[in-house]
Amino acid sequence: KYFQINEAYMNKLIETVSVQLLMDEKAKEEFVKLE
């Protein structure tokens, strides 16, 4: 609701990002920095 996105669609996108982060070490580092 806060980010104005359908919840099911959001969860599908998050799942895709999670898989991408497993395969892309550089992207994972960027996310870790933001975290």
Full PDB file with SEQRES, HELIX, SHEET, SSBOND, CRYST1, ORIGX, SCALE, CONECT and MASTER records, all heavy atoms in Angstrom:
SEQRES   1 A   35  LYS TYR PHE GLN ILE ASN GLU ALA TYR MET ASN LYS LEU          
SEQRES   2 A   35  ILE GLU THR VAL SER VAL GLN LEU LEU MET ASP GLU LYS          
SEQRES   3 A   35  ALA LYS GLU GLU PHE VAL LYS LEU GLU                          
HELIX    1 AA1 GLU A    7  MET A   23  1                                  17    
HELIX    2 AA2 GLU A   25  LEU A   34  1                                  10    
CRYST1    1.000    1.000    1.000  90.00  90.00  90.00 P 1           1          
ORIGX1      1.000000  0.000000  0.000000        0.00000                         
ORIGX2      0.000000  1.000000  0.000000        0.00000                         
ORIGX3      0.000000  0.000000  1.000000        0.00000                         
SCALE1      1.000000  0.000000  0.000000        0.00000                         
SCALE2      0.000000  1.000000  0.000000        0.00000                         
SCALE3      0.000000  0.000000  1.000000        0.00000                         
ATOM      1  N   LYS A   1       0.835  -1.204   0.000  1.00  0.00           N  
ATOM      2  CA  LYS A   1       0.000   0.000   0.000  1.00  0.00           C  
ATOM      3  C   LYS A   1       0.871   1.257   0.000  1.00  0.00           C  
ATOM      4  O   LYS A   1       0.620   2.193  -0.746  1.00  0.00           O  
ATOM      5  CB  LYS A   1      -0.927  -0.001   1.214  1.00  0.00           C  
ATOM      6  CG  LYS A   1      -1.873   1.162   1.236  1.00  0.00           C  
ATOM      7  CD  LYS A   1      -2.856   1.050   2.384  1.00  0.00           C  
ATOM      8  CE  LYS A   1      -3.784   2.263   2.365  1.00  0.00           C  
ATOM      9  NZ  LYS A   1      -4.762   2.204   3.433  1.00  0.00           N  
ATOM     10  N   TYR A   2       1.904   1.264   0.824  1.00  0.00           N  
ATOM     11  CA  TYR A   2       2.785   2.429   0.916  1.00  0.00           C  
ATOM     12  C   TYR A   2       3.467   2.722  -0.420  1.00  0.00           C  
ATOM     13  O   TYR A   2       3.564   3.876  -0.836  1.00  0.00           O  
ATOM     14  CB  TYR A   2       3.830   2.196   2.007  1.00  0.00           C  
ATOM     15  CG  TYR A   2       4.775   3.355   2.199  1.00  0.00           C  
ATOM     16  CD1 TYR A   2       4.419   4.449   2.979  1.00  0.00           C  
ATOM     17  CD2 TYR A   2       6.028   3.362   1.597  1.00  0.00           C  
ATOM     18  CE1 TYR A   2       5.286   5.516   3.149  1.00  0.00           C  
ATOM     19  CE2 TYR A   2       6.894   4.426   1.766  1.00  0.00           C  
ATOM     20  CZ  TYR A   2       6.520   5.500   2.540  1.00  0.00           C  
ATOM     21  OH  TYR A   2       7.376   6.566   2.696  1.00  0.00           O  
ATOM     22  N   PHE A   3       3.938   1.674  -1.096  1.00  0.00           N  
ATOM     23  CA  PHE A   3       4.650   1.859  -2.359  1.00  0.00           C  
ATOM     24  C   PHE A   3       3.732   1.782  -3.582  1.00  0.00           C  
ATOM     25  O   PHE A   3       4.213   1.783  -4.716  1.00  0.00           O  
ATOM     26  CB  PHE A   3       5.795   0.844  -2.480  1.00  0.00           C  
ATOM     27  CG  PHE A   3       6.917   1.116  -1.520  1.00  0.00           C  
ATOM     28  CD1 PHE A   3       7.170   0.258  -0.468  1.00  0.00           C  
ATOM     29  CD2 PHE A   3       7.717   2.242  -1.648  1.00  0.00           C  
ATOM     30  CE1 PHE A   3       8.203   0.509   0.437  1.00  0.00           C  
ATOM     31  CE2 PHE A   3       8.746   2.509  -0.754  1.00  0.00           C  
ATOM     32  CZ  PHE A   3       8.983   1.639   0.292  1.00  0.00           C  
ATOM     33  N   GLN A   4       2.431   1.724  -3.362  1.00  0.00           N  
ATOM     34  CA  GLN A   4       1.431   1.727  -4.422  1.00  0.00           C  
ATOM     35  C   GLN A   4       1.681   0.627  -5.460  1.00  0.00           C  
ATOM     36  O   GLN A   4       1.872   0.896  -6.648  1.00  0.00           O  
ATOM     37  CB  GLN A   4       1.372   3.095  -5.105  1.00  0.00           C  
ATOM     38  CG  GLN A   4       1.001   4.215  -4.167  1.00  0.00           C  
ATOM     39  CD  GLN A   4       0.871   5.535  -4.880  1.00  0.00           C  
ATOM     40  OE1 GLN A   4       0.172   5.624  -5.880  1.00  0.00           O  
ATOM     41  NE2 GLN A   4       1.541   6.552  -4.374  1.00  0.00           N  
ATOM     42  N   ILE A   5       1.678  -0.607  -4.980  1.00  0.00           N  
ATOM     43  CA  ILE A   5       1.917  -1.746  -5.844  1.00  0.00           C  
ATOM     44  C   ILE A   5       1.046  -2.898  -5.349  1.00  0.00           C  
ATOM     45  O   ILE A   5       0.779  -3.009  -4.153  1.00  0.00           O  
ATOM     46  CB  ILE A   5       3.425  -2.126  -5.852  1.00  0.00           C  
ATOM     47  CG1 ILE A   5       3.727  -3.191  -6.893  1.00  0.00           C  
ATOM     48  CG2 ILE A   5       3.909  -2.516  -4.479  1.00  0.00           C  
ATOM     49  CD1 ILE A   5       5.229  -3.420  -7.109  1.00  0.00           C  
ATOM     50  N   ASN A   6       0.590  -3.718  -6.263  1.00  0.00           N  
ATOM     51  CA  ASN A   6      -0.196  -4.893  -5.914  1.00  0.00           C  
ATOM     52  C   ASN A   6       0.665  -5.836  -5.071  1.00  0.00           C  
ATOM     53  O   ASN A   6       1.814  -6.111  -5.427  1.00  0.00           O  
ATOM     54  CB  ASN A   6      -0.676  -5.577  -7.196  1.00  0.00           C  
ATOM     55  CG  ASN A   6      -1.420  -6.855  -6.920  1.00  0.00           C  
ATOM     56  OD1 ASN A   6      -0.808  -7.901  -6.716  1.00  0.00           O  
ATOM     57  ND2 ASN A   6      -2.731  -6.768  -6.913  1.00  0.00           N  
ATOM     58  N   GLU A   7       0.115  -6.325  -3.975  1.00  0.00           N  
ATOM     59  CA  GLU A   7       0.898  -7.145  -3.041  1.00  0.00           C  
ATOM     60  C   GLU A   7       1.446  -8.422  -3.692  1.00  0.00           C  
ATOM     61  O   GLU A   7       2.618  -8.758  -3.513  1.00  0.00           O  
ATOM     62  CB  GLU A   7       0.042  -7.511  -1.833  1.00  0.00           C  
ATOM     63  CG  GLU A   7       0.785  -8.302  -0.787  1.00  0.00           C  
ATOM     64  CD  GLU A   7      -0.083  -8.656   0.407  1.00  0.00           C  
ATOM     65  OE1 GLU A   7      -1.177  -8.077   0.570  1.00  0.00           O  
ATOM     66  OE2 GLU A   7       0.342  -9.526   1.178  1.00  0.00           O  
ATOM     67  N   ALA A   8       0.620  -9.125  -4.453  1.00  0.00           N  
ATOM     68  CA  ALA A   8       1.080 -10.361  -5.094  1.00  0.00           C  
ATOM     69  C   ALA A   8       2.175 -10.068  -6.114  1.00  0.00           C  
ATOM     70  O   ALA A   8       3.182 -10.795  -6.198  1.00  0.00           O  
ATOM     71  CB  ALA A   8      -0.092 -11.082  -5.759  1.00  0.00           C  
ATOM     72  N   TYR A   9       1.987  -9.008  -6.884  1.00  0.00           N  
ATOM     73  CA  TYR A   9       2.991  -8.614  -7.877  1.00  0.00           C  
ATOM     74  C   TYR A   9       4.290  -8.203  -7.183  1.00  0.00           C  
ATOM     75  O   TYR A   9       5.384  -8.569  -7.619  1.00  0.00           O  
ATOM     76  CB  TYR A   9       2.442  -7.477  -8.735  1.00  0.00           C  
ATOM     77  CG  TYR A   9       3.376  -6.988  -9.804  1.00  0.00           C  
ATOM     78  CD1 TYR A   9       3.803  -7.831 -10.827  1.00  0.00           C  
ATOM     79  CD2 TYR A   9       3.834  -5.677  -9.798  1.00  0.00           C  
ATOM     80  CE1 TYR A   9       4.669  -7.384 -11.818  1.00  0.00           C  
ATOM     81  CE2 TYR A   9       4.688  -5.219 -10.778  1.00  0.00           C  
ATOM     82  CZ  TYR A   9       5.094  -6.076 -11.785  1.00  0.00           C  
ATOM     83  OH  TYR A   9       5.953  -5.631 -12.764  1.00  0.00           O  
ATOM     84  N   MET A  10       4.170  -7.465  -6.080  1.00  0.00           N  
ATOM     85  CA  MET A  10       5.345  -7.057  -5.317  1.00  0.00           C  
ATOM     86  C   MET A  10       6.128  -8.281  -4.853  1.00  0.00           C  
ATOM     87  O   MET A  10       7.352  -8.331  -4.990  1.00  0.00           O  
ATOM     88  CB  MET A  10       4.922  -6.222  -4.105  1.00  0.00           C  
ATOM     89  CG  MET A  10       6.067  -5.840  -3.185  1.00  0.00           C  
ATOM     90  SD  MET A  10       5.523  -5.089  -1.626  1.00  0.00           S  
ATOM     91  CE  MET A  10       4.986  -6.528  -0.693  1.00  0.00           C  
ATOM     92  N   ASN A  11       5.431  -9.268  -4.320  1.00  0.00           N  
ATOM     93  CA  ASN A  11       6.106 -10.470  -3.831  1.00  0.00           C  
ATOM     94  C   ASN A  11       6.788 -11.240  -4.960  1.00  0.00           C  
ATOM     95  O   ASN A  11       7.866 -11.789  -4.765  1.00  0.00           O  
ATOM     96  CB  ASN A  11       5.132 -11.355  -3.057  1.00  0.00           C  
ATOM     97  CG  ASN A  11       4.841 -10.806  -1.683  1.00  0.00           C  
ATOM     98  OD1 ASN A  11       5.713 -10.244  -1.032  1.00  0.00           O  
ATOM     99  ND2 ASN A  11       3.618 -10.942  -1.237  1.00  0.00           N  
ATOM    100  N   LYS A  12       6.189 -11.232  -6.136  1.00  0.00           N  
ATOM    101  CA  LYS A  12       6.817 -11.874  -7.297  1.00  0.00           C  
ATOM    102  C   LYS A  12       8.103 -11.133  -7.679  1.00  0.00           C  
ATOM    103  O   LYS A  12       9.131 -11.754  -7.950  1.00  0.00           O  
ATOM    104  CB  LYS A  12       5.841 -11.908  -8.467  1.00  0.00           C  
ATOM    105  CG  LYS A  12       6.353 -12.648  -9.678  1.00  0.00           C  
ATOM    106  CD  LYS A  12       5.258 -12.767 -10.723  1.00  0.00           C  
ATOM    107  CE  LYS A  12       5.751 -13.391 -11.979  1.00  0.00           C  
ATOM    108  NZ  LYS A  12       5.904 -14.821 -11.918  1.00  0.00           N  
ATOM    109  N   LEU A  13       8.065  -9.797  -7.678  1.00  0.00           N  
ATOM    110  CA  LEU A  13       9.261  -9.005  -7.981  1.00  0.00           C  
ATOM    111  C   LEU A  13      10.352  -9.225  -6.940  1.00  0.00           C  
ATOM    112  O   LEU A  13      11.531  -9.339  -7.275  1.00  0.00           O  
ATOM    113  CB  LEU A  13       8.911  -7.514  -8.065  1.00  0.00           C  
ATOM    114  CG  LEU A  13       8.084  -7.062  -9.248  1.00  0.00           C  
ATOM    115  CD1 LEU A  13       7.717  -5.580  -9.104  1.00  0.00           C  
ATOM    116  CD2 LEU A  13       8.808  -7.305 -10.557  1.00  0.00           C  
ATOM    117  N   ILE A  14       9.959  -9.283  -5.682  1.00  0.00           N  
ATOM    118  CA  ILE A  14      10.932  -9.501  -4.599  1.00  0.00           C  
ATOM    119  C   ILE A  14      11.590 -10.868  -4.745  1.00  0.00           C  
ATOM    120  O   ILE A  14      12.802 -11.003  -4.545  1.00  0.00           O  
ATOM    121  CB  ILE A  14      10.254  -9.327  -3.222  1.00  0.00           C  
ATOM    122  CG1 ILE A  14       9.937  -7.842  -2.991  1.00  0.00           C  
ATOM    123  CG2 ILE A  14      11.125  -9.869  -2.100  1.00  0.00           C  
ATOM    124  CD1 ILE A  14       9.079  -7.571  -1.777  1.00  0.00           C  
ATOM    125  N   GLU A  15      10.808 -11.853  -5.112  1.00  0.00           N  
ATOM    126  CA  GLU A  15      11.368 -13.195  -5.332  1.00  0.00           C  
ATOM    127  C   GLU A  15      12.394 -13.170  -6.471  1.00  0.00           C  
ATOM    128  O   GLU A  15      13.468 -13.766  -6.369  1.00  0.00           O  
ATOM    129  CB  GLU A  15      10.236 -14.165  -5.667  1.00  0.00           C  
ATOM    130  CG  GLU A  15      10.672 -15.596  -5.807  1.00  0.00           C  
ATOM    131  CD  GLU A  15       9.497 -16.509  -6.095  1.00  0.00           C  
ATOM    132  OE1 GLU A  15       8.441 -16.358  -5.466  1.00  0.00           O  
ATOM    133  OE2 GLU A  15       9.653 -17.373  -6.976  1.00  0.00           O  
ATOM    134  N   THR A  16      12.082 -12.441  -7.533  1.00  0.00           N  
ATOM    135  CA  THR A  16      13.002 -12.313  -8.666  1.00  0.00           C  
ATOM    136  C   THR A  16      14.290 -11.622  -8.237  1.00  0.00           C  
ATOM    137  O   THR A  16      15.387 -12.056  -8.603  1.00  0.00           O  
ATOM    138  CB  THR A  16      12.334 -11.522  -9.816  1.00  0.00           C  
ATOM    139  OG1 THR A  16      11.139 -12.210 -10.211  1.00  0.00           O  
ATOM    140  CG2 THR A  16      13.253 -11.389 -11.006  1.00  0.00           C  
ATOM    141  N   VAL A  17      14.176 -10.556  -7.455  1.00  0.00           N  
ATOM    142  CA  VAL A  17      15.355  -9.844  -6.960  1.00  0.00           C  
ATOM    143  C   VAL A  17      16.198 -10.771  -6.093  1.00  0.00           C  
ATOM    144  O   VAL A  17      17.425 -10.788  -6.204  1.00  0.00           O  
ATOM    145  CB  VAL A  17      14.953  -8.571  -6.170  1.00  0.00           C  
ATOM    146  CG1 VAL A  17      16.134  -7.994  -5.417  1.00  0.00           C  
ATOM    147  CG2 VAL A  17      14.376  -7.529  -7.107  1.00  0.00           C  
ATOM    148  N   SER A  18      15.559 -11.542  -5.243  1.00  0.00           N  
ATOM    149  CA  SER A  18      16.287 -12.462  -4.366  1.00  0.00           C  
ATOM    150  C   SER A  18      17.129 -13.446  -5.165  1.00  0.00           C  
ATOM    151  O   SER A  18      18.288 -13.701  -4.832  1.00  0.00           O  
ATOM    152  CB  SER A  18      15.312 -13.238  -3.478  1.00  0.00           C  
ATOM    153  OG  SER A  18      14.624 -12.363  -2.631  1.00  0.00           O  
ATOM    154  N   VAL A  19      16.567 -13.969  -6.240  1.00  0.00           N  
ATOM    155  CA  VAL A  19      17.305 -14.904  -7.100  1.00  0.00           C  
ATOM    156  C   VAL A  19      18.458 -14.184  -7.797  1.00  0.00           C  
ATOM    157  O   VAL A  19      19.577 -14.700  -7.864  1.00  0.00           O  
ATOM    158  CB  VAL A  19      16.356 -15.568  -8.126  1.00  0.00           C  
ATOM    159  CG1 VAL A  19      17.140 -16.360  -9.168  1.00  0.00           C  
ATOM    160  CG2 VAL A  19      15.348 -16.458  -7.423  1.00  0.00           C  
ATOM    161  N   GLN A  20      18.205 -12.979  -8.290  1.00  0.00           N  
ATOM    162  CA  GLN A  20      19.253 -12.209  -8.961  1.00  0.00           C  
ATOM    163  C   GLN A  20      20.416 -11.916  -8.012  1.00  0.00           C  
ATOM    164  O   GLN A  20      21.577 -11.966  -8.413  1.00  0.00           O  
ATOM    165  CB  GLN A  20      18.695 -10.905  -9.515  1.00  0.00           C  
ATOM    166  CG  GLN A  20      17.803 -11.092 -10.708  1.00  0.00           C  
ATOM    167  CD  GLN A  20      17.130  -9.803 -11.158  1.00  0.00           C  
ATOM    168  OE1 GLN A  20      17.036  -8.841 -10.406  1.00  0.00           O  
ATOM    169  NE2 GLN A  20      16.662  -9.795 -12.395  1.00  0.00           N  
ATOM    170  N   LEU A  21      20.102 -11.630  -6.765  1.00  0.00           N  
ATOM    171  CA  LEU A  21      21.154 -11.328  -5.799  1.00  0.00           C  
ATOM    172  C   LEU A  21      22.013 -12.551  -5.489  1.00  0.00           C  
ATOM    173  O   LEU A  21      23.185 -12.408  -5.151  1.00  0.00           O  
ATOM    174  CB  LEU A  21      20.558 -10.756  -4.511  1.00  0.00           C  
ATOM    175  CG  LEU A  21      19.937  -9.363  -4.642  1.00  0.00           C  
ATOM    176  CD1 LEU A  21      19.323  -8.933  -3.320  1.00  0.00           C  
ATOM    177  CD2 LEU A  21      20.932  -8.343  -5.131  1.00  0.00           C  
ATOM    178  N   LEU A  22      21.434 -13.726  -5.606  1.00  0.00           N  
ATOM    179  CA  LEU A  22      22.211 -14.947  -5.417  1.00  0.00           C  
ATOM    180  C   LEU A  22      23.237 -15.133  -6.533  1.00  0.00           C  
ATOM    181  O   LEU A  22      24.296 -15.722  -6.327  1.00  0.00           O  
ATOM    182  CB  LEU A  22      21.290 -16.174  -5.372  1.00  0.00           C  
ATOM    183  CG  LEU A  22      20.414 -16.303  -4.138  1.00  0.00           C  
ATOM    184  CD1 LEU A  22      19.437 -17.463  -4.319  1.00  0.00           C  
ATOM    185  CD2 LEU A  22      21.242 -16.490  -2.885  1.00  0.00           C  
ATOM    186  N   MET A  23      22.914 -14.613  -7.721  1.00  0.00           N  
ATOM    187  CA  MET A  23      23.777 -14.808  -8.884  1.00  0.00           C  
ATOM    188  C   MET A  23      24.705 -13.638  -9.169  1.00  0.00           C  
ATOM    189  O   MET A  23      25.694 -13.791  -9.869  1.00  0.00           O  
ATOM    190  CB  MET A  23      22.916 -15.082 -10.124  1.00  0.00           C  
ATOM    191  CG  MET A  23      22.107 -16.361 -10.011  1.00  0.00           C  
ATOM    192  SD  MET A  23      21.183 -16.757 -11.493  1.00  0.00           S  
ATOM    193  CE  MET A  23      20.020 -15.429 -11.605  1.00  0.00           C  
ATOM    194  N   ASP A  24      24.393 -12.457  -8.637  1.00  0.00           N  
ATOM    195  CA  ASP A  24      25.159 -11.248  -8.957  1.00  0.00           C  
ATOM    196  C   ASP A  24      25.785 -10.680  -7.679  1.00  0.00           C  
ATOM    197  O   ASP A  24      25.132  -9.965  -6.912  1.00  0.00           O  
ATOM    198  CB  ASP A  24      24.246 -10.213  -9.614  1.00  0.00           C  
ATOM    199  CG  ASP A  24      24.986  -8.986 -10.104  1.00  0.00           C  
ATOM    200  OD1 ASP A  24      26.153  -8.767  -9.721  1.00  0.00           O  
ATOM    201  OD2 ASP A  24      24.375  -8.224 -10.881  1.00  0.00           O  
ATOM    202  N   GLU A  25      27.040 -11.001  -7.478  1.00  0.00           N  
ATOM    203  CA  GLU A  25      27.735 -10.601  -6.251  1.00  0.00           C  
ATOM    204  C   GLU A  25      27.829  -9.072  -6.111  1.00  0.00           C  
ATOM    205  O   GLU A  25      27.692  -8.535  -5.017  1.00  0.00           O  
ATOM    206  CB  GLU A  25      29.131 -11.222  -6.218  1.00  0.00           C  
ATOM    207  CG  GLU A  25      29.834 -11.089  -4.898  1.00  0.00           C  
ATOM    208  CD  GLU A  25      29.122 -11.809  -3.764  1.00  0.00           C  
ATOM    209  OE1 GLU A  25      28.549 -12.883  -3.985  1.00  0.00           O  
ATOM    210  OE2 GLU A  25      29.151 -11.283  -2.631  1.00  0.00           O  
ATOM    211  N   LYS A  26      28.052  -8.378  -7.207  1.00  0.00           N  
ATOM    212  CA  LYS A  26      28.176  -6.910  -7.153  1.00  0.00           C  
ATOM    213  C   LYS A  26      26.850  -6.266  -6.720  1.00  0.00           C  
ATOM    214  O   LYS A  26      26.835  -5.355  -5.885  1.00  0.00           O  
ATOM    215  CB  LYS A  26      28.623  -6.366  -8.510  1.00  0.00           C  
ATOM    216  CG  LYS A  26      28.936  -4.902  -8.480  1.00  0.00           C  
ATOM    217  CD  LYS A  26      29.590  -4.441  -9.752  1.00  0.00           C  
ATOM    218  CE  LYS A  26      29.917  -2.971  -9.618  1.00  0.00           C  
ATOM    219  NZ  LYS A  26      30.864  -2.497 -10.571  1.00  0.00           N  
ATOM    220  N   ALA A  27      25.755  -6.750  -7.285  1.00  0.00           N  
ATOM    221  CA  ALA A  27      24.441  -6.224  -6.898  1.00  0.00           C  
ATOM    222  C   ALA A  27      24.167  -6.521  -5.425  1.00  0.00           C  
ATOM    223  O   ALA A  27      23.636  -5.680  -4.696  1.00  0.00           O  
ATOM    224  CB  ALA A  27      23.352  -6.822  -7.774  1.00  0.00           C  
ATOM    225  N   LYS A  28      24.552  -7.714  -4.993  1.00  0.00           N  
ATOM    226  CA  LYS A  28      24.356  -8.076  -3.589  1.00  0.00           C  
ATOM    227  C   LYS A  28      25.125  -7.131  -2.680  1.00  0.00           C  
ATOM    228  O   LYS A  28      24.619  -6.705  -1.636  1.00  0.00           O  
ATOM    229  CB  LYS A  28      24.797  -9.516  -3.350  1.00  0.00           C  
ATOM    230  CG  LYS A  28      24.545  -9.972  -1.937  1.00  0.00           C  
ATOM    231  CD  LYS A  28      24.909 -11.418  -1.732  1.00  0.00           C  
ATOM    232  CE  LYS A  28      24.637 -11.806  -0.289  1.00  0.00           C  
ATOM    233  NZ  LYS A  28      24.865 -13.218  -0.049  1.00  0.00           N  
ATOM    234  N   GLU A  29      26.341  -6.775  -3.061  1.00  0.00           N  
ATOM    235  CA  GLU A  29      27.142  -5.840  -2.267  1.00  0.00           C  
ATOM    236  C   GLU A  29      26.440  -4.492  -2.140  1.00  0.00           C  
ATOM    237  O   GLU A  29      26.464  -3.870  -1.067  1.00  0.00           O  
ATOM    238  CB  GLU A  29      28.520  -5.657  -2.892  1.00  0.00           C  
ATOM    239  CG  GLU A  29      29.428  -6.852  -2.754  1.00  0.00           C  
ATOM    240  CD  GLU A  29      30.745  -6.701  -3.515  1.00  0.00           C  
ATOM    241  OE1 GLU A  29      31.054  -5.581  -3.980  1.00  0.00           O  
ATOM    242  OE2 GLU A  29      31.449  -7.710  -3.648  1.00  0.00           O  
ATOM    243  N   GLU A  30      25.828  -4.030  -3.224  1.00  0.00           N  
ATOM    244  CA  GLU A  30      25.117  -2.748  -3.192  1.00  0.00           C  
ATOM    245  C   GLU A  30      23.922  -2.812  -2.237  1.00  0.00           C  
ATOM    246  O   GLU A  30      23.679  -1.876  -1.475  1.00  0.00           O  
ATOM    247  CB  GLU A  30      24.665  -2.337  -4.598  1.00  0.00           C  
ATOM    248  CG  GLU A  30      25.816  -1.991  -5.523  1.00  0.00           C  
ATOM    249  CD  GLU A  30      26.693  -0.865  -4.985  1.00  0.00           C  
ATOM    250  OE1 GLU A  30      26.154   0.163  -4.522  1.00  0.00           O  
ATOM    251  OE2 GLU A  30      27.932  -1.022  -5.011  1.00  0.00           O  
ATOM    252  N   PHE A  31      23.193  -3.911  -2.290  1.00  0.00           N  
ATOM    253  CA  PHE A  31      22.059  -4.069  -1.388  1.00  0.00           C  
ATOM    254  C   PHE A  31      22.523  -4.139   0.065  1.00  0.00           C  
ATOM    255  O   PHE A  31      21.889  -3.563   0.944  1.00  0.00           O  
ATOM    256  CB  PHE A  31      21.241  -5.317  -1.748  1.00  0.00           C  
ATOM    257  CG  PHE A  31      20.167  -5.054  -2.767  1.00  0.00           C  
ATOM    258  CD1 PHE A  31      20.460  -5.068  -4.113  1.00  0.00           C  
ATOM    259  CD2 PHE A  31      18.866  -4.790  -2.377  1.00  0.00           C  
ATOM    260  CE1 PHE A  31      19.476  -4.831  -5.064  1.00  0.00           C  
ATOM    261  CE2 PHE A  31      17.870  -4.549  -3.312  1.00  0.00           C  
ATOM    262  CZ  PHE A  31      18.177  -4.568  -4.655  1.00  0.00           C  
ATOM    263  N   VAL A  32      23.630  -4.821   0.309  1.00  0.00           N  
ATOM    264  CA  VAL A  32      24.161  -4.917   1.669  1.00  0.00           C  
ATOM    265  C   VAL A  32      24.569  -3.534   2.177  1.00  0.00           C  
ATOM    266  O   VAL A  32      24.309  -3.183   3.337  1.00  0.00           O  
ATOM    267  CB  VAL A  32      25.337  -5.919   1.734  1.00  0.00           C  
ATOM    268  CG1 VAL A  32      26.073  -5.828   3.065  1.00  0.00           C  
ATOM    269  CG2 VAL A  32      24.834  -7.341   1.497  1.00  0.00           C  
ATOM    270  N   LYS A  33      25.158  -2.728   1.313  1.00  0.00           N  
ATOM    271  CA  LYS A  33      25.520  -1.353   1.704  1.00  0.00           C  
ATOM    272  C   LYS A  33      24.271  -0.561   2.099  1.00  0.00           C  
ATOM    273  O   LYS A  33      24.265   0.147   3.113  1.00  0.00           O  
ATOM    274  CB  LYS A  33      26.245  -0.636   0.564  1.00  0.00           C  
ATOM    275  CG  LYS A  33      27.664  -1.084   0.363  1.00  0.00           C  
ATOM    276  CD  LYS A  33      28.285  -0.332  -0.808  1.00  0.00           C  
ATOM    277  CE  LYS A  33      29.642  -0.888  -1.176  1.00  0.00           C  
ATOM    278  NZ  LYS A  33      30.203  -0.241  -2.369  1.00  0.00           N  
ATOM    279  N   LEU A  34      23.226  -0.674   1.284  1.00  0.00           N  
ATOM    280  CA  LEU A  34      21.986   0.037   1.585  1.00  0.00           C  
ATOM    281  C   LEU A  34      21.367  -0.474   2.885  1.00  0.00           C  
ATOM    282  O   LEU A  34      20.885   0.313   3.701  1.00  0.00           O  
ATOM    283  CB  LEU A  34      20.991  -0.103   0.430  1.00  0.00           C  
ATOM    284  CG  LEU A  34      21.356   0.658  -0.838  1.00  0.00           C  
ATOM    285  CD1 LEU A  34      20.457   0.229  -1.989  1.00  0.00           C  
ATOM    286  CD2 LEU A  34      21.244   2.164  -0.621  1.00  0.00           C  
ATOM    287  N   GLU A  35      21.408  -1.780   3.091  1.00  0.00           N  
ATOM    288  CA  GLU A  35      20.897  -2.352   4.338  1.00  0.00           C  
ATOM    289  C   GLU A  35      21.664  -1.812   5.537  1.00  0.00           C  
ATOM    290  O   GLU A  35      21.057  -1.430   6.544  1.00  0.00           O  
ATOM    291  CB  GLU A  35      21.028  -3.878   4.312  1.00  0.00           C  
ATOM    292  CG  GLU A  35      20.083  -4.570   3.384  1.00  0.00           C  
ATOM    293  CD  GLU A  35      20.356  -6.063   3.294  1.00  0.00           C  
ATOM    294  OE1 GLU A  35      20.844  -6.657   4.288  1.00  0.00           O  
ATOM    295  OE2 GLU A  35      20.065  -6.641   2.239  1.00  0.00           O  
TER     296      GLU A  35                                                      
MASTER        0    0    0    2    0    0    0    6  295    1    0    3          
END                                                                             
